[in-house]
């Protein structure tokens, strides 16, 4: 998603590019009265997956009909110190944060502040694409659904600019590899552009909007932005699972 800085992380051997901001979320502790025997299968599955993918620590929540059936931490959040993952451990959710950009745009659609099927240049007139015809056609809906015709992540420069303005400036030099609306191509920078539209319309940063209109109403009091949020978070309390 879209923070002032972009991170490149590697998980399970695959690069994860976070072009919005990495949001870190703590699971709210709502312990359910469920015996361990009822959930031996999830335990076995989690341990097997962690072993297969060399994951030192993970957390699991099972939810049914709006109720949390199981919350549990597995492994360690700090291997050297043998500090366990608990239900209060913070995780960087990476590209899941793209859904917050989509929700923010959807809120603006509900408020009739933006048309998802209008050309993006209606909201960012200075936007330049390598194909002027595509520039007049690409919509917010296509950006959010990865069908804008802009290339997939692996075709963009590996070094991601440190600012959103820098990321948006890259669009002018990138080829259009499909007619807008015709092909799915996973494009993280396209979500940054959608967030740029949100900032232009609301006249506030993506972080400020998300904190006020998404985190606060949902009671996400421990959610924060980027690696600094993880570093400044208080130590996770030891919570028995």
C-alpha atoms as a PDB file:
ATOM      1  CA  UNK A   1       0.000   0.000   0.000  1.00  0.00           C
ATOM      2  CA  UNK A   2       1.120   3.516   0.101  1.00  0.00           C
ATOM      3  CA  UNK A   3       3.335   4.942   2.691  1.00  0.00           C
ATOM      4  CA  UNK A   4       5.826   7.678   2.222  1.00  0.00           C
ATOM      5  CA  UNK A   5       8.354   4.915   1.865  1.00  0.00           C
ATOM      6  CA  UNK A   6       8.126   1.608   0.100  1.00  0.00           C
ATOM      7  CA  UNK A   7       9.547  -1.588   1.465  1.00  0.00           C
ATOM      8  CA  UNK A   8      10.772  -4.710  -0.249  1.00  0.00           C
ATOM      9  CA  UNK A   9      10.435  -7.739   1.972  1.00  0.00           C
ATOM     10  CA  UNK A  10      10.988 -11.431   1.349  1.00  0.00           C
ATOM     11  CA  UNK A  11       8.693 -14.064   2.794  1.00  0.00           C
ATOM     12  CA  UNK A  12       8.821 -17.767   2.014  1.00  0.00           C
ATOM     13  CA  UNK A  13      11.495 -16.952  -0.546  1.00  0.00           C
ATOM     14  CA  UNK A  14       9.263 -14.655  -2.596  1.00  0.00           C
ATOM     15  CA  UNK A  15       9.657 -10.866  -2.829  1.00  0.00           C
ATOM     16  CA  UNK A  16       6.791  -8.873  -1.392  1.00  0.00           C
ATOM     17  CA  UNK A  17       6.584  -5.294  -2.602  1.00  0.00           C
ATOM     18  CA  UNK A  18       4.551  -3.053  -0.360  1.00  0.00           C
ATOM     19  CA  UNK A  19       3.677   0.041  -2.378  1.00  0.00           C
ATOM     20  CA  UNK A  20       1.144   1.356   0.025  1.00  0.00           C
ATOM     21  CA  UNK A  21       2.038   1.411   3.620  1.00  0.00           C
ATOM     22  CA  UNK A  22       2.532  -1.766   5.550  1.00  0.00           C
ATOM     23  CA  UNK A  23      -0.172  -1.752   8.179  1.00  0.00           C
ATOM     24  CA  UNK A  24       0.454  -3.650  11.368  1.00  0.00           C
ATOM     25  CA  UNK A  25      -2.536  -5.002  13.249  1.00  0.00           C
ATOM     26  CA  UNK A  26      -2.823  -6.703  16.598  1.00  0.00           C
ATOM     27  CA  UNK A  27      -5.521  -9.307  17.090  1.00  0.00           C
ATOM     28  CA  UNK A  28      -7.974  -8.249  19.779  1.00  0.00           C
ATOM     29  CA  UNK A  29      -8.009 -10.809  22.542  1.00  0.00           C
ATOM     30  CA  UNK A  30     -11.496 -12.272  22.804  1.00  0.00           C
ATOM     31  CA  UNK A  31     -10.842 -15.687  24.236  1.00  0.00           C
ATOM     32  CA  UNK A  32     -13.413 -18.338  23.431  1.00  0.00           C
ATOM     33  CA  UNK A  33     -14.136 -21.338  25.601  1.00  0.00           C
ATOM     34  CA  UNK A  34     -12.960 -24.031  23.216  1.00  0.00           C
ATOM     35  CA  UNK A  35     -11.091 -27.135  24.263  1.00  0.00           C
ATOM     36  CA  UNK A  36      -7.719 -27.845  22.677  1.00  0.00           C
ATOM     37  CA  UNK A  37      -8.942 -31.261  21.543  1.00  0.00           C
ATOM     38  CA  UNK A  38     -11.535 -29.628  19.278  1.00  0.00           C
ATOM     39  CA  UNK A  39      -8.813 -27.884  17.339  1.00  0.00           C
ATOM     40  CA  UNK A  40      -6.061 -30.455  17.025  1.00  0.00           C
ATOM     41  CA  UNK A  41      -6.416 -30.415  13.231  1.00  0.00           C
ATOM     42  CA  UNK A  42      -5.722 -26.658  12.895  1.00  0.00           C
ATOM     43  CA  UNK A  43      -2.752 -27.051  15.215  1.00  0.00           C
ATOM     44  CA  UNK A  44      -1.313 -29.805  13.053  1.00  0.00           C
ATOM     45  CA  UNK A  45      -1.967 -27.819   9.863  1.00  0.00           C
ATOM     46  CA  UNK A  46      -0.310 -24.670  11.204  1.00  0.00           C
ATOM     47  CA  UNK A  47       2.753 -26.523  12.436  1.00  0.00           C
ATOM     48  CA  UNK A  48       3.086 -28.380   9.152  1.00  0.00           C
ATOM     49  CA  UNK A  49       2.814 -25.200   7.071  1.00  0.00           C
ATOM     50  CA  UNK A  50       5.278 -23.361   9.291  1.00  0.00           C
ATOM     51  CA  UNK A  51       7.754 -26.197   8.928  1.00  0.00           C
ATOM     52  CA  UNK A  52       7.281 -26.436   5.159  1.00  0.00           C
ATOM     53  CA  UNK A  53       7.796 -22.718   4.586  1.00  0.00           C
ATOM     54  CA  UNK A  54      10.363 -22.146   7.346  1.00  0.00           C
ATOM     55  CA  UNK A  55       8.143 -19.666   9.205  1.00  0.00           C
ATOM     56  CA  UNK A  56       9.346 -19.077  12.766  1.00  0.00           C
ATOM     57  CA  UNK A  57       6.089 -17.652  14.121  1.00  0.00           C
ATOM     58  CA  UNK A  58       2.463 -17.194  13.131  1.00  0.00           C
ATOM     59  CA  UNK A  59      -0.944 -16.468  14.605  1.00  0.00           C
ATOM     60  CA  UNK A  60      -4.310 -18.013  13.786  1.00  0.00           C
ATOM     61  CA  UNK A  61      -7.858 -16.811  14.339  1.00  0.00           C
ATOM     62  CA  UNK A  62     -10.872 -18.918  13.401  1.00  0.00           C
ATOM     63  CA  UNK A  63     -14.116 -16.977  13.000  1.00  0.00           C
ATOM     64  CA  UNK A  64     -17.590 -18.333  12.356  1.00  0.00           C
ATOM     65  CA  UNK A  65     -20.818 -16.325  12.172  1.00  0.00           C
ATOM     66  CA  UNK A  66     -19.098 -13.298  13.636  1.00  0.00           C
ATOM     67  CA  UNK A  67     -17.734 -15.147  16.655  1.00  0.00           C
ATOM     68  CA  UNK A  68     -14.097 -15.989  17.297  1.00  0.00           C
ATOM     69  CA  UNK A  69     -13.808 -19.728  17.847  1.00  0.00           C
ATOM     70  CA  UNK A  70     -10.064 -19.917  18.258  1.00  0.00           C
ATOM     71  CA  UNK A  71      -7.155 -17.530  18.739  1.00  0.00           C
ATOM     72  CA  UNK A  72      -3.682 -18.927  19.075  1.00  0.00           C
ATOM     73  CA  UNK A  73      -0.052 -18.066  18.549  1.00  0.00           C
ATOM     74  CA  UNK A  74       2.515 -20.511  17.194  1.00  0.00           C
ATOM     75  CA  UNK A  75       6.285 -20.385  17.347  1.00  0.00           C
ATOM     76  CA  UNK A  76       8.360 -17.316  18.120  1.00  0.00           C
ATOM     77  CA  UNK A  77       8.256 -13.638  17.234  1.00  0.00           C
ATOM     78  CA  UNK A  78      11.884 -13.325  18.372  1.00  0.00           C
ATOM     79  CA  UNK A  79      13.793 -16.535  17.764  1.00  0.00           C
ATOM     80  CA  UNK A  80      16.968 -15.385  19.470  1.00  0.00           C
ATOM     81  CA  UNK A  81      15.174 -14.368  22.655  1.00  0.00           C
ATOM     82  CA  UNK A  82      12.659 -17.226  22.405  1.00  0.00           C
ATOM     83  CA  UNK A  83       9.788 -14.741  22.748  1.00  0.00           C
ATOM     84  CA  UNK A  84       6.578 -16.501  21.641  1.00  0.00           C
ATOM     85  CA  UNK A  85       3.914 -15.283  19.254  1.00  0.00           C
ATOM     86  CA  UNK A  86       0.741 -14.486  21.197  1.00  0.00           C
ATOM     87  CA  UNK A  87      -2.710 -13.237  20.292  1.00  0.00           C
ATOM     88  CA  UNK A  88      -1.395  -9.694  20.897  1.00  0.00           C
ATOM     89  CA  UNK A  89       1.655  -9.951  18.625  1.00  0.00           C
ATOM     90  CA  UNK A  90       1.822  -7.334  15.864  1.00  0.00           C
ATOM     91  CA  UNK A  91       2.317  -8.439  12.258  1.00  0.00           C
ATOM     92  CA  UNK A  92       3.074  -6.515   9.092  1.00  0.00           C
ATOM     93  CA  UNK A  93       0.122  -7.367   6.852  1.00  0.00           C
ATOM     94  CA  UNK A  94       1.853  -6.251   3.658  1.00  0.00           C
ATOM     95  CA  UNK A  95      -0.313  -6.091   0.577  1.00  0.00           C
ATOM     96  CA  UNK A  96      -3.466  -6.901   2.519  1.00  0.00           C
ATOM     97  CA  UNK A  97      -3.346  -3.173   3.179  1.00  0.00           C
ATOM     98  CA  UNK A  98      -4.460  -2.644  -0.423  1.00  0.00           C
ATOM     99  CA  UNK A  99      -7.968  -3.467   0.783  1.00  0.00           C
ATOM    100  CA  UNK A 100      -7.912  -0.320   2.930  1.00  0.00           C
ATOM    101  CA  UNK A 101      -7.302   1.779  -0.163  1.00  0.00           C
ATOM    102  CA  UNK A 102     -10.205   0.047  -1.895  1.00  0.00           C
ATOM    103  CA  UNK A 103     -12.435   0.643   1.138  1.00  0.00           C
ATOM    104  CA  UNK A 104     -11.466   4.307   1.268  1.00  0.00           C
ATOM    105  CA  UNK A 105     -12.346   4.757  -2.410  1.00  0.00           C
ATOM    106  CA  UNK A 106     -15.622   2.877  -1.865  1.00  0.00           C
ATOM    107  CA  UNK A 107     -16.503   5.272   0.942  1.00  0.00           C
ATOM    108  CA  UNK A 108     -15.921   8.210  -1.388  1.00  0.00           C
ATOM    109  CA  UNK A 109     -18.105   6.529  -4.011  1.00  0.00           C
ATOM    110  CA  UNK A 110     -20.909   6.174  -1.430  1.00  0.00           C
ATOM    111  CA  UNK A 111     -20.534   9.880  -0.671  1.00  0.00           C
ATOM    112  CA  UNK A 112     -20.723  10.725  -4.397  1.00  0.00           C
ATOM    113  CA  UNK A 113     -17.263  12.301  -4.276  1.00  0.00           C
ATOM    114  CA  UNK A 114     -15.767  10.034  -6.901  1.00  0.00           C
ATOM    115  CA  UNK A 115     -16.936   7.949  -9.853  1.00  0.00           C
ATOM    116  CA  UNK A 116     -15.089   4.612 -10.027  1.00  0.00           C
ATOM    117  CA  UNK A 117     -15.718   4.388 -13.759  1.00  0.00           C
ATOM    118  CA  UNK A 118     -14.468   7.857 -14.616  1.00  0.00           C
ATOM    119  CA  UNK A 119     -11.008   8.293 -16.102  1.00  0.00           C
ATOM    120  CA  UNK A 120      -8.344   8.798 -13.448  1.00  0.00           C
ATOM    121  CA  UNK A 121      -7.199  11.979 -15.217  1.00  0.00           C
ATOM    122  CA  UNK A 122     -10.476  13.599 -14.126  1.00  0.00           C
ATOM    123  CA  UNK A 123      -8.981  13.669 -10.623  1.00  0.00           C
ATOM    124  CA  UNK A 124      -5.279  13.920 -11.543  1.00  0.00           C
ATOM    125  CA  UNK A 125      -5.201  16.005 -14.749  1.00  0.00           C
ATOM    126  CA  UNK A 126      -1.392  16.103 -14.773  1.00  0.00           C
ATOM    127  CA  UNK A 127      -1.108  12.293 -14.908  1.00  0.00           C
ATOM    128  CA  UNK A 128       0.900  11.097 -17.881  1.00  0.00           C
ATOM    129  CA  UNK A 129       0.977   7.587 -19.317  1.00  0.00           C
ATOM    130  CA  UNK A 130       3.121   6.337 -22.194  1.00  0.00           C
ATOM    131  CA  UNK A 131      -0.045   5.892 -24.278  1.00  0.00           C
ATOM    132  CA  UNK A 132      -2.219   9.042 -24.312  1.00  0.00           C
ATOM    133  CA  UNK A 133      -5.261   7.030 -25.377  1.00  0.00           C
ATOM    134  CA  UNK A 134      -4.881   4.756 -22.359  1.00  0.00           C
ATOM    135  CA  UNK A 135      -4.459   7.805 -20.138  1.00  0.00           C
ATOM    136  CA  UNK A 136      -7.900   8.946 -21.214  1.00  0.00           C
ATOM    137  CA  UNK A 137      -9.396   5.516 -20.549  1.00  0.00           C
ATOM    138  CA  UNK A 138      -7.933   4.070 -17.324  1.00  0.00           C
ATOM    139  CA  UNK A 139     -10.425   4.204 -14.449  1.00  0.00           C
ATOM    140  CA  UNK A 140     -10.233   3.863 -10.686  1.00  0.00           C
ATOM    141  CA  UNK A 141     -12.101   0.571 -10.890  1.00  0.00           C
ATOM    142  CA  UNK A 142      -9.437  -0.774 -13.238  1.00  0.00           C
ATOM    143  CA  UNK A 143      -6.615   0.400 -10.985  1.00  0.00           C
ATOM    144  CA  UNK A 144      -8.163  -1.334  -7.970  1.00  0.00           C
ATOM    145  CA  UNK A 145      -8.931  -4.543  -9.891  1.00  0.00           C
ATOM    146  CA  UNK A 146      -5.478  -4.727 -11.531  1.00  0.00           C
ATOM    147  CA  UNK A 147      -6.980  -4.444 -15.024  1.00  0.00           C
ATOM    148  CA  UNK A 148      -5.635  -1.009 -16.018  1.00  0.00           C
ATOM    149  CA  UNK A 149      -3.366  -2.351 -18.748  1.00  0.00           C
ATOM    150  CA  UNK A 150      -0.285  -1.204 -16.864  1.00  0.00           C
ATOM    151  CA  UNK A 151       2.314  -3.949 -16.430  1.00  0.00           C
ATOM    152  CA  UNK A 152       2.591  -6.374 -13.535  1.00  0.00           C
ATOM    153  CA  UNK A 153       4.949  -5.711 -10.635  1.00  0.00           C
ATOM    154  CA  UNK A 154       7.868  -7.700 -12.021  1.00  0.00           C
ATOM    155  CA  UNK A 155       8.078  -5.418 -15.076  1.00  0.00           C
ATOM    156  CA  UNK A 156       8.520  -2.207 -13.058  1.00  0.00           C
ATOM    157  CA  UNK A 157      11.910  -0.979 -11.830  1.00  0.00           C
ATOM    158  CA  UNK A 158      13.048  -2.975  -8.837  1.00  0.00           C
ATOM    159  CA  UNK A 159      13.999   0.170  -6.944  1.00  0.00           C
ATOM    160  CA  UNK A 160      10.792   1.824  -5.782  1.00  0.00           C
ATOM    161  CA  UNK A 161      10.800   5.625  -5.318  1.00  0.00           C
ATOM    162  CA  UNK A 162      10.647   6.766  -1.708  1.00  0.00           C
ATOM    163  CA  UNK A 163       7.656   9.087  -2.201  1.00  0.00           C
ATOM    164  CA  UNK A 164       4.201   8.760  -3.733  1.00  0.00           C
ATOM    165  CA  UNK A 165       4.938  11.625  -6.102  1.00  0.00           C
ATOM    166  CA  UNK A 166       7.977   9.699  -7.270  1.00  0.00           C
ATOM    167  CA  UNK A 167       5.952   6.542  -7.816  1.00  0.00           C
ATOM    168  CA  UNK A 168       3.273   8.384  -9.796  1.00  0.00           C
ATOM    169  CA  UNK A 169       5.934   9.999 -11.992  1.00  0.00           C
ATOM    170  CA  UNK A 170       7.067   6.520 -13.094  1.00  0.00           C
ATOM    171  CA  UNK A 171       3.788   5.905 -14.931  1.00  0.00           C
ATOM    172  CA  UNK A 172       4.803   8.138 -17.838  1.00  0.00           C
ATOM    173  CA  UNK A 173       7.612   5.782 -18.852  1.00  0.00           C
ATOM    174  CA  UNK A 174       5.896   2.416 -18.346  1.00  0.00           C
ATOM    175  CA  UNK A 175       4.448   0.614 -21.384  1.00  0.00           C
ATOM    176  CA  UNK A 176       0.764  -0.207 -21.625  1.00  0.00           C
ATOM    177  CA  UNK A 177       0.788  -3.987 -22.031  1.00  0.00           C
ATOM    178  CA  UNK A 178      -2.948  -4.589 -22.460  1.00  0.00           C
ATOM    179  CA  UNK A 179      -6.028  -2.623 -23.412  1.00  0.00           C
ATOM    180  CA  UNK A 180      -7.514  -1.211 -20.179  1.00  0.00           C
ATOM    181  CA  UNK A 181     -10.161  -3.487 -18.723  1.00  0.00           C
ATOM    182  CA  UNK A 182      -9.150  -6.627 -20.644  1.00  0.00           C
ATOM    183  CA  UNK A 183      -6.399  -8.375 -18.655  1.00  0.00           C
ATOM    184  CA  UNK A 184      -5.535  -8.964 -14.993  1.00  0.00           C
ATOM    185  CA  UNK A 185      -1.963  -7.864 -14.200  1.00  0.00           C
ATOM    186  CA  UNK A 186      -1.081  -7.517 -10.518  1.00  0.00           C
ATOM    187  CA  UNK A 187       0.177  -3.953 -10.199  1.00  0.00           C
ATOM    188  CA  UNK A 188       1.030  -2.627  -6.749  1.00  0.00           C
ATOM    189  CA  UNK A 189       1.899   0.836  -8.018  1.00  0.00           C
ATOM    190  CA  UNK A 190      -1.592   1.099  -9.512  1.00  0.00           C
ATOM    191  CA  UNK A 191      -2.985   0.934  -5.977  1.00  0.00           C
ATOM    192  CA  UNK A 192      -0.635   3.757  -5.036  1.00  0.00           C
ATOM    193  CA  UNK A 193      -2.169   5.788  -7.863  1.00  0.00           C
ATOM    194  CA  UNK A 194      -5.670   5.027  -6.559  1.00  0.00           C
ATOM    195  CA  UNK A 195      -4.590   6.207  -3.116  1.00  0.00           C
ATOM    196  CA  UNK A 196      -3.138   9.321  -4.736  1.00  0.00           C
ATOM    197  CA  UNK A 197      -6.628  10.049  -6.068  1.00  0.00           C
ATOM    198  CA  UNK A 198      -8.042   9.595  -2.553  1.00  0.00           C
ATOM    199  CA  UNK A 199      -5.530  12.086  -1.200  1.00  0.00           C
ATOM    200  CA  UNK A 200      -6.338  14.592  -3.944  1.00  0.00           C
ATOM    201  CA  UNK A 201     -10.089  14.391  -3.268  1.00  0.00           C
ATOM    202  CA  UNK A 202      -9.974  14.394   0.531  1.00  0.00           C
ATOM    203  CA  UNK A 203      -7.036  16.818   0.830  1.00  0.00           C
ATOM    204  CA  UNK A 204      -5.433  14.668   3.483  1.00  0.00           C
ATOM    205  CA  UNK A 205      -2.822  11.964   3.508  1.00  0.00           C
ATOM    206  CA  UNK A 206      -3.774   8.335   2.985  1.00  0.00           C
ATOM    207  CA  UNK A 207      -2.579   7.577   6.512  1.00  0.00           C
ATOM    208  CA  UNK A 208      -4.697  10.341   8.051  1.00  0.00           C
ATOM    209  CA  UNK A 209      -7.783   9.296   6.110  1.00  0.00           C
ATOM    210  CA  UNK A 210      -7.329   5.616   6.943  1.00  0.00           C
ATOM    211  CA  UNK A 211      -6.735   6.320  10.619  1.00  0.00           C
ATOM    212  CA  UNK A 212      -9.847   8.521  10.905  1.00  0.00           C
ATOM    213  CA  UNK A 213     -12.330   6.776   8.630  1.00  0.00           C
ATOM    214  CA  UNK A 214     -11.315   3.107   8.909  1.00  0.00           C
ATOM    215  CA  UNK A 215      -9.179   2.364  11.957  1.00  0.00           C
ATOM    216  CA  UNK A 216     -11.106   4.519  14.446  1.00  0.00           C
ATOM    217  CA  UNK A 217     -14.639   3.336  13.527  1.00  0.00           C
ATOM    218  CA  UNK A 218     -13.471  -0.288  13.667  1.00  0.00           C
ATOM    219  CA  UNK A 219     -11.756   0.126  17.021  1.00  0.00           C
ATOM    220  CA  UNK A 220      -8.363  -0.747  15.546  1.00  0.00           C
ATOM    221  CA  UNK A 221      -6.477   1.021  18.308  1.00  0.00           C
ATOM    222  CA  UNK A 222      -3.211  -0.851  17.813  1.00  0.00           C
ATOM    223  CA  UNK A 223      -3.005  -0.451  14.026  1.00  0.00           C
ATOM    224  CA  UNK A 224      -0.138   1.661  12.742  1.00  0.00           C
ATOM    225  CA  UNK A 225       1.844   2.341   9.572  1.00  0.00           C
ATOM    226  CA  UNK A 226       5.108   1.007   8.223  1.00  0.00           C
ATOM    227  CA  UNK A 227       8.180  -0.470   9.913  1.00  0.00           C
ATOM    228  CA  UNK A 228       8.327   2.435  12.357  1.00  0.00           C
ATOM    229  CA  UNK A 229       4.938   1.394  13.721  1.00  0.00           C
ATOM    230  CA  UNK A 230       6.308  -2.054  14.439  1.00  0.00           C
ATOM    231  CA  UNK A 231       9.456  -0.686  16.034  1.00  0.00           C
ATOM    232  CA  UNK A 232       7.590   1.740  18.295  1.00  0.00           C
ATOM    233  CA  UNK A 233       4.907  -0.736  19.373  1.00  0.00           C
ATOM    234  CA  UNK A 234       5.044  -1.750  23.029  1.00  0.00           C
ATOM    235  CA  UNK A 235       6.239  -5.286  23.730  1.00  0.00           C
ATOM    236  CA  UNK A 236       3.508  -7.891  23.286  1.00  0.00           C
ATOM    237  CA  UNK A 237       2.261  -9.171  26.604  1.00  0.00           C
ATOM    238  CA  UNK A 238       2.576 -12.859  27.235  1.00  0.00           C
ATOM    239  CA  UNK A 239      -0.860 -14.298  26.582  1.00  0.00           C
ATOM    240  CA  UNK A 240      -1.513 -17.961  27.112  1.00  0.00           C
ATOM    241  CA  UNK A 241      -3.054 -19.763  24.174  1.00  0.00           C
END
